[in-house]
Amino acid sequence: MCIFCKIIDGEIPSNKILEDDNFLAFHDINPAAPVHVLVIPKEHVVSFNDVSSEIMGNMSKFIQEVANKMGLNENGYRLITNIGDDGGQEVKHLHFHILGGGKLIWNHYEQNDPHKSI
């Protein structure tokens, strides 16, 4: 069982923000921004490549509710999902990062040279 499934089942505590029958939002334990929230479906889905359009549609609305609850709508936020090893996915359970609470910069390419061949 993955770590997010254990959080859903209550085996591992989390600082919950919003929860319904299908989704859970909680604070990231290693924040990369003043506001850093993880949003996960309660159904185990490995990544965005595996998610159904029904789950994604409902999850979009839930993410918008979380962003509103966290007061991020006025100034904006970043929404990220990592897919696979090269995409930086560490937990093989679909999750979205909501980052906000300040001006965000973009500096995520490991070599930091977008013109260099991989």
C-alpha atoms as a PDB file:
ATOM      1  CA  MET A   1       0.000   0.000   0.000  1.00  0.00           C
ATOM      2  CA  CYS A   2       1.428   3.404  -0.971  1.00  0.00           C
ATOM      3  CA  ILE A   3       1.964   6.239   1.494  1.00  0.00           C
ATOM      4  CA  PHE A   4      -1.000   8.230   0.150  1.00  0.00           C
ATOM      5  CA  CYS A   5      -3.331   5.243   0.527  1.00  0.00           C
ATOM      6  CA  LYS A   6      -2.133   4.988   4.139  1.00  0.00           C
ATOM      7  CA  ILE A   7      -2.935   8.673   4.651  1.00  0.00           C
ATOM      8  CA  ILE A   8      -6.409   8.131   3.182  1.00  0.00           C
ATOM      9  CA  ASP A   9      -6.953   5.147   5.511  1.00  0.00           C
ATOM     10  CA  GLY A  10      -5.803   7.167   8.534  1.00  0.00           C
ATOM     11  CA  GLU A  11      -2.743   4.999   9.162  1.00  0.00           C
ATOM     12  CA  ILE A  12      -0.498   8.026   8.670  1.00  0.00           C
ATOM     13  CA  PRO A  13      -1.642  11.415  10.006  1.00  0.00           C
ATOM     14  CA  SER A  14      -1.956  14.447   7.756  1.00  0.00           C
ATOM     15  CA  ASN A  15      -2.839  18.089   8.157  1.00  0.00           C
ATOM     16  CA  LYS A  16      -6.113  17.983   6.213  1.00  0.00           C
ATOM     17  CA  ILE A  17      -7.522  20.999   4.443  1.00  0.00           C
ATOM     18  CA  LEU A  18     -10.547  19.565   2.647  1.00  0.00           C
ATOM     19  CA  GLU A  19     -12.000  16.098   2.186  1.00  0.00           C
ATOM     20  CA  ASP A  20     -15.000  14.563   0.526  1.00  0.00           C
ATOM     21  CA  ASP A  21     -15.997  11.034  -0.497  1.00  0.00           C
ATOM     22  CA  ASN A  22     -13.590  11.001  -3.456  1.00  0.00           C
ATOM     23  CA  PHE A  23     -10.676  13.348  -2.734  1.00  0.00           C
ATOM     24  CA  LEU A  24      -8.387  14.568   0.007  1.00  0.00           C
ATOM     25  CA  ALA A  25      -6.297  17.748   0.270  1.00  0.00           C
ATOM     26  CA  PHE A  26      -3.579  18.178   2.882  1.00  0.00           C
ATOM     27  CA  HIS A  27      -0.480  20.258   3.567  1.00  0.00           C
ATOM     28  CA  ASP A  28       2.781  18.948   2.093  1.00  0.00           C
ATOM     29  CA  ILE A  29       5.240  18.019   4.862  1.00  0.00           C
ATOM     30  CA  ASN A  30       8.136  19.477   2.842  1.00  0.00           C
ATOM     31  CA  PRO A  31       6.681  22.708   1.404  1.00  0.00           C
ATOM     32  CA  ALA A  32       8.255  24.324  -1.641  1.00  0.00           C
ATOM     33  CA  ALA A  33       6.178  27.529  -1.288  1.00  0.00           C
ATOM     34  CA  PRO A  34       4.389  29.432   1.497  1.00  0.00           C
ATOM     35  CA  VAL A  35       1.291  27.432   0.571  1.00  0.00           C
ATOM     36  CA  HIS A  36       1.947  23.879  -0.625  1.00  0.00           C
ATOM     37  CA  VAL A  37      -1.018  21.534  -0.709  1.00  0.00           C
ATOM     38  CA  LEU A  38      -1.320  18.014  -2.110  1.00  0.00           C
ATOM     39  CA  VAL A  39      -4.604  16.878  -3.633  1.00  0.00           C
ATOM     40  CA  ILE A  40      -5.184  13.158  -4.170  1.00  0.00           C
ATOM     41  CA  PRO A  41      -8.024  10.933  -5.284  1.00  0.00           C
ATOM     42  CA  LYS A  42      -9.067   8.377  -2.682  1.00  0.00           C
ATOM     43  CA  GLU A  43      -9.103   5.752  -5.395  1.00  0.00           C
ATOM     44  CA  HIS A  44      -5.550   4.566  -6.094  1.00  0.00           C
ATOM     45  CA  VAL A  45      -4.580   5.837  -9.547  1.00  0.00           C
ATOM     46  CA  VAL A  46      -0.882   5.571 -10.430  1.00  0.00           C
ATOM     47  CA  SER A  47      -0.510   8.789 -12.439  1.00  0.00           C
ATOM     48  CA  PHE A  48      -2.196  11.270 -14.742  1.00  0.00           C
ATOM     49  CA  ASN A  49      -1.610   8.793 -17.585  1.00  0.00           C
ATOM     50  CA  ASP A  50      -3.982   6.359 -15.868  1.00  0.00           C
ATOM     51  CA  VAL A  51      -6.765   8.649 -14.628  1.00  0.00           C
ATOM     52  CA  SER A  52     -10.279   8.504 -16.061  1.00  0.00           C
ATOM     53  CA  SER A  53     -11.931  11.617 -17.436  1.00  0.00           C
ATOM     54  CA  GLU A  54     -14.672  11.253 -14.802  1.00  0.00           C
ATOM     55  CA  ILE A  55     -12.222  11.328 -11.885  1.00  0.00           C
ATOM     56  CA  MET A  56     -10.249  14.164 -13.500  1.00  0.00           C
ATOM     57  CA  GLY A  57     -13.365  16.245 -14.076  1.00  0.00           C
ATOM     58  CA  ASN A  58     -14.465  15.892 -10.468  1.00  0.00           C
ATOM     59  CA  MET A  59     -10.939  16.418  -9.208  1.00  0.00           C
ATOM     60  CA  SER A  60     -10.682  19.709 -11.122  1.00  0.00           C
ATOM     61  CA  LYS A  61     -13.660  21.101  -9.222  1.00  0.00           C
ATOM     62  CA  PHE A  62     -12.214  19.866  -5.912  1.00  0.00           C
ATOM     63  CA  ILE A  63      -8.835  21.496  -6.655  1.00  0.00           C
ATOM     64  CA  GLN A  64     -10.606  24.795  -7.394  1.00  0.00           C
ATOM     65  CA  GLU A  65     -12.403  24.548  -4.034  1.00  0.00           C
ATOM     66  CA  VAL A  66      -9.106  23.946  -2.236  1.00  0.00           C
ATOM     67  CA  ALA A  67      -7.410  26.896  -3.969  1.00  0.00           C
ATOM     68  CA  ASN A  68     -10.345  29.118  -3.012  1.00  0.00           C
ATOM     69  CA  LYS A  69     -10.285  27.884   0.602  1.00  0.00           C
ATOM     70  CA  MET A  70      -6.548  28.636   0.805  1.00  0.00           C
ATOM     71  CA  GLY A  71      -7.128  32.188  -0.518  1.00  0.00           C
ATOM     72  CA  LEU A  72      -5.095  31.667  -3.693  1.00  0.00           C
ATOM     73  CA  ASN A  73      -7.644  32.682  -6.337  1.00  0.00           C
ATOM     74  CA  GLU A  74      -6.950  36.430  -6.325  1.00  0.00           C
ATOM     75  CA  ASN A  75      -3.167  36.371  -6.837  1.00  0.00           C
ATOM     76  CA  GLY A  76      -2.834  32.980  -8.473  1.00  0.00           C
ATOM     77  CA  TYR A  77      -1.116  29.679  -7.890  1.00  0.00           C
ATOM     78  CA  ARG A  78       0.739  26.899  -9.657  1.00  0.00           C
ATOM     79  CA  LEU A  79      -0.824  23.478 -10.216  1.00  0.00           C
ATOM     80  CA  ILE A  80       1.593  20.618 -10.901  1.00  0.00           C
ATOM     81  CA  THR A  81       1.400  16.881 -11.336  1.00  0.00           C
ATOM     82  CA  ASN A  82       4.548  14.872 -11.960  1.00  0.00           C
ATOM     83  CA  ILE A  83       4.328  11.809 -14.210  1.00  0.00           C
ATOM     84  CA  GLY A  84       6.886   9.006 -14.154  1.00  0.00           C
ATOM     85  CA  ASP A  85      10.526   8.988 -13.144  1.00  0.00           C
ATOM     86  CA  ASP A  86      11.726  11.636 -15.613  1.00  0.00           C
ATOM     87  CA  GLY A  87       8.812  13.861 -14.601  1.00  0.00           C
ATOM     88  CA  GLY A  88       9.860  13.653 -10.961  1.00  0.00           C
ATOM     89  CA  GLN A  89       6.979  11.521  -9.658  1.00  0.00           C
ATOM     90  CA  GLU A  90       8.122  10.216  -6.267  1.00  0.00           C
ATOM     91  CA  VAL A  91       4.863   8.650  -5.071  1.00  0.00           C
ATOM     92  CA  LYS A  92       3.101   6.394  -7.562  1.00  0.00           C
ATOM     93  CA  HIS A  93      -0.361   7.704  -6.662  1.00  0.00           C
ATOM     94  CA  LEU A  94      -1.846  10.548  -8.698  1.00  0.00           C
ATOM     95  CA  HIS A  95      -1.416  13.809  -6.849  1.00  0.00           C
ATOM     96  CA  PHE A  96      -1.487  17.481  -7.673  1.00  0.00           C
ATOM     97  CA  HIS A  97       0.647  20.089  -5.949  1.00  0.00           C
ATOM     98  CA  ILE A  98      -0.990  23.462  -5.364  1.00  0.00           C
ATOM     99  CA  LEU A  99       1.748  26.043  -4.803  1.00  0.00           C
ATOM    100  CA  GLY A 100       1.071  29.650  -3.915  1.00  0.00           C
ATOM    101  CA  GLY A 101       1.189  32.346  -1.300  1.00  0.00           C
ATOM    102  CA  GLY A 102       3.873  34.382  -3.081  1.00  0.00           C
ATOM    103  CA  LYS A 103       5.526  35.069  -6.426  1.00  0.00           C
ATOM    104  CA  LEU A 104       6.773  31.736  -7.796  1.00  0.00           C
ATOM    105  CA  ILE A 105       9.839  31.340  -9.986  1.00  0.00           C
ATOM    106  CA  TRP A 106      10.497  28.519 -12.443  1.00  0.00           C
ATOM    107  CA  ASN A 107      13.845  26.772 -12.144  1.00  0.00           C
ATOM    108  CA  HIS A 108      13.062  23.076 -12.315  1.00  0.00           C
ATOM    109  CA  TYR A 109      15.172  21.681 -15.153  1.00  0.00           C
ATOM    110  CA  GLU A 110      18.038  19.778 -13.559  1.00  0.00           C
ATOM    111  CA  GLN A 111      20.730  21.145 -15.853  1.00  0.00           C
ATOM    112  CA  ASN A 112      19.014  24.570 -16.022  1.00  0.00           C
ATOM    113  CA  ASP A 113      19.812  24.901 -19.716  1.00  0.00           C
ATOM    114  CA  PRO A 114      16.731  24.377 -21.881  1.00  0.00           C
ATOM    115  CA  HIS A 115      18.856  24.491 -25.051  1.00  0.00           C
ATOM    116  CA  LYS A 116      21.147  21.628 -24.021  1.00  0.00           C
ATOM    117  CA  SER A 117      20.310  18.244 -25.560  1.00  0.00           C
ATOM    118  CA  ILE A 118      19.178  15.557 -23.170  1.00  0.00           C
END
